Amino acid sequence: MATGGAVVGSAADLTIDGNFTALADSIADKVPPGGAMIVAQVAGDGMSECRATMQEIGGTVIQ
């Protein structure tokens, strides 16, 4: 069984302002109970590699 995960792009910008409640609300329904999430800022030219890597491990990328 693969371990799932998610990467959040633009939602991570909410952390810059310290608005963690808004960030949590915007992503809460995207992760199943017991699941994991990675919040990352990825440069535009790195997105294709990020998507490929996440797909290899059974993850999902949400921008």
N, C-alpha and C. Protein backbone atom coordinates (compact mmCIF):
# COMPACT_ATOMS: atom_id res chain seq x y z
N MET A 1 0.85 -1.18 0.00
CA MET A 1 0.00 0.00 0.00
C MET A 1 0.89 1.24 0.00
N ALA A 2 0.66 2.15 -0.92
CA ALA A 2 1.47 3.37 -1.04
C ALA A 2 1.06 4.39 0.01
N THR A 3 2.04 5.14 0.43
CA THR A 3 1.77 6.24 1.36
C THR A 3 1.34 7.44 0.55
N GLY A 4 0.22 8.04 0.89
CA GLY A 4 -0.28 9.19 0.15
C GLY A 4 0.28 10.48 0.72
N GLY A 5 0.18 11.52 -0.06
CA GLY A 5 0.62 12.84 0.38
C GLY A 5 0.10 13.88 -0.57
N ALA A 6 0.29 15.11 -0.23
CA ALA A 6 -0.16 16.21 -1.09
C ALA A 6 0.81 17.35 -0.94
N VAL A 7 0.98 18.08 -1.98
CA VAL A 7 1.78 19.30 -1.97
C VAL A 7 0.86 20.44 -2.34
N VAL A 8 0.89 21.48 -1.57
CA VAL A 8 0.02 22.61 -1.80
C VAL A 8 0.87 23.79 -2.24
N GLY A 9 0.56 24.37 -3.40
CA GLY A 9 1.33 25.50 -3.92
C GLY A 9 0.85 26.82 -3.40
N SER A 10 -0.12 27.42 -4.06
CA SER A 10 -0.54 28.77 -3.71
C SER A 10 -1.13 28.87 -2.32
N ALA A 11 -1.68 27.80 -1.80
CA ALA A 11 -2.22 27.85 -0.43
C ALA A 11 -1.11 28.07 0.58
N ALA A 12 0.10 27.65 0.24
CA ALA A 12 1.22 27.86 1.16
C ALA A 12 1.53 29.34 1.34
N ASP A 13 1.14 30.18 0.39
CA ASP A 13 1.35 31.61 0.53
C ASP A 13 0.62 32.16 1.74
N LEU A 14 -0.42 31.51 2.17
CA LEU A 14 -1.15 31.97 3.35
C LEU A 14 -0.29 31.95 4.60
N THR A 15 0.72 31.09 4.62
CA THR A 15 1.58 31.00 5.79
C THR A 15 2.47 32.23 5.92
N ILE A 16 2.70 32.93 4.83
CA ILE A 16 3.54 34.12 4.87
C ILE A 16 2.94 35.16 5.80
N ASP A 17 1.63 35.30 5.77
CA ASP A 17 0.94 36.26 6.61
C ASP A 17 0.60 35.69 7.99
N GLY A 18 1.00 34.46 8.23
CA GLY A 18 0.71 33.83 9.50
C GLY A 18 -0.74 33.40 9.63
N ASN A 19 -1.45 33.32 8.54
CA ASN A 19 -2.87 32.96 8.58
C ASN A 19 -3.02 31.44 8.48
N PHE A 20 -2.58 30.73 9.51
CA PHE A 20 -2.58 29.28 9.47
C PHE A 20 -3.99 28.70 9.51
N THR A 21 -4.93 29.39 10.12
CA THR A 21 -6.31 28.90 10.15
C THR A 21 -6.88 28.84 8.75
N ALA A 22 -6.66 29.89 7.97
CA ALA A 22 -7.14 29.91 6.58
C ALA A 22 -6.47 28.81 5.77
N LEU A 23 -5.18 28.59 5.98
CA LEU A 23 -4.48 27.53 5.28
C LEU A 23 -5.08 26.17 5.63
N ALA A 24 -5.25 25.91 6.91
CA ALA A 24 -5.82 24.64 7.35
C ALA A 24 -7.22 24.42 6.78
N ASP A 25 -8.04 25.47 6.80
CA ASP A 25 -9.41 25.35 6.26
C ASP A 25 -9.40 25.05 4.77
N SER A 26 -8.44 25.63 4.04
CA SER A 26 -8.43 25.46 2.58
C SER A 26 -7.94 24.08 2.15
N ILE A 27 -7.25 23.35 3.02
CA ILE A 27 -6.70 22.06 2.64
C ILE A 27 -7.24 20.88 3.45
N ALA A 28 -8.04 21.15 4.46
CA ALA A 28 -8.49 20.10 5.38
C ALA A 28 -9.22 18.97 4.66
N ASP A 29 -10.01 19.27 3.66
CA ASP A 29 -10.78 18.22 2.99
C ASP A 29 -9.98 17.49 1.91
N LYS A 30 -8.73 17.87 1.72
CA LYS A 30 -7.92 17.26 0.67
C LYS A 30 -7.06 16.11 1.18
N VAL A 31 -6.99 15.93 2.50
CA VAL A 31 -6.17 14.88 3.09
C VAL A 31 -7.07 13.93 3.87
N PRO A 32 -7.02 12.65 3.53
CA PRO A 32 -7.87 11.70 4.25
C PRO A 32 -7.39 11.51 5.69
N PRO A 33 -8.29 11.08 6.57
CA PRO A 33 -7.87 10.80 7.95
C PRO A 33 -6.68 9.83 7.96
N GLY A 34 -5.68 10.17 8.72
CA GLY A 34 -4.48 9.34 8.78
C GLY A 34 -3.49 9.62 7.67
N GLY A 35 -3.86 10.52 6.75
CA GLY A 35 -2.98 10.86 5.64
C GLY A 35 -1.92 11.88 6.06
N ALA A 36 -1.10 12.26 5.13
CA ALA A 36 -0.02 13.22 5.38
C ALA A 36 -0.04 14.29 4.32
N MET A 37 0.49 15.46 4.66
CA MET A 37 0.56 16.56 3.71
C MET A 37 1.92 17.22 3.81
N ILE A 38 2.44 17.60 2.68
CA ILE A 38 3.66 18.38 2.61
C ILE A 38 3.27 19.72 1.99
N VAL A 39 3.60 20.80 2.67
CA VAL A 39 3.35 22.14 2.13
C VAL A 39 4.70 22.65 1.67
N ALA A 40 4.81 22.97 0.39
CA ALA A 40 6.10 23.38 -0.16
C ALA A 40 5.94 24.50 -1.16
N GLN A 41 6.95 25.33 -1.22
CA GLN A 41 7.01 26.35 -2.26
C GLN A 41 8.00 25.84 -3.29
N VAL A 42 7.52 25.64 -4.51
CA VAL A 42 8.33 25.07 -5.58
C VAL A 42 8.42 26.09 -6.70
N ALA A 43 9.63 26.36 -7.16
CA ALA A 43 9.83 27.28 -8.28
C ALA A 43 9.14 26.72 -9.52
N GLY A 44 8.65 27.59 -10.35
CA GLY A 44 7.91 27.18 -11.55
C GLY A 44 8.64 26.16 -12.40
N ASP A 45 9.95 26.29 -12.53
CA ASP A 45 10.69 25.35 -13.36
C ASP A 45 10.94 24.01 -12.66
N GLY A 46 10.55 23.90 -11.41
CA GLY A 46 10.71 22.65 -10.69
C GLY A 46 9.42 21.86 -10.55
N MET A 47 8.31 22.41 -11.04
CA MET A 47 7.02 21.75 -10.86
C MET A 47 6.91 20.42 -11.57
N SER A 48 7.46 20.31 -12.78
CA SER A 48 7.33 19.03 -13.50
C SER A 48 8.08 17.93 -12.76
N GLU A 49 9.24 18.23 -12.21
CA GLU A 49 9.99 17.23 -11.44
C GLU A 49 9.26 16.91 -10.14
N CYS A 50 8.69 17.92 -9.51
CA CYS A 50 7.94 17.71 -8.27
C CYS A 50 6.74 16.80 -8.53
N ARG A 51 5.98 17.09 -9.59
CA ARG A 51 4.82 16.26 -9.94
C ARG A 51 5.23 14.82 -10.22
N ALA A 52 6.31 14.64 -10.98
CA ALA A 52 6.76 13.30 -11.32
C ALA A 52 7.17 12.52 -10.07
N THR A 53 7.89 13.18 -9.18
CA THR A 53 8.33 12.52 -7.95
C THR A 53 7.13 12.14 -7.08
N MET A 54 6.19 13.07 -6.92
CA MET A 54 5.01 12.78 -6.10
C MET A 54 4.19 11.66 -6.72
N GLN A 55 4.08 11.63 -8.04
CA GLN A 55 3.32 10.57 -8.71
C GLN A 55 3.99 9.21 -8.47
N GLU A 56 5.33 9.17 -8.50
CA GLU A 56 6.05 7.92 -8.28
C GLU A 56 5.76 7.33 -6.90
N ILE A 57 5.53 8.18 -5.91
CA ILE A 57 5.29 7.67 -4.55
C ILE A 57 3.80 7.66 -4.18
N GLY A 58 2.95 7.90 -5.18
CA GLY A 58 1.51 7.81 -4.95
C GLY A 58 0.90 9.06 -4.37
N GLY A 59 1.61 10.18 -4.48
CA GLY A 59 1.10 11.44 -3.93
C GLY A 59 0.32 12.25 -4.96
N THR A 60 -0.24 13.34 -4.51
CA THR A 60 -1.03 14.24 -5.35
C THR A 60 -0.50 15.65 -5.17
N VAL A 61 -0.42 16.41 -6.23
CA VAL A 61 0.02 17.80 -6.17
C VAL A 61 -1.20 18.68 -6.39
N ILE A 62 -1.41 19.61 -5.48
CA ILE A 62 -2.51 20.56 -5.56
C ILE A 62 -1.89 21.96 -5.60
N GLN A 63 -2.23 22.73 -6.61
CA GLN A 63 -1.69 24.09 -6.70
C GLN A 63 -2.76 25.09 -6.42
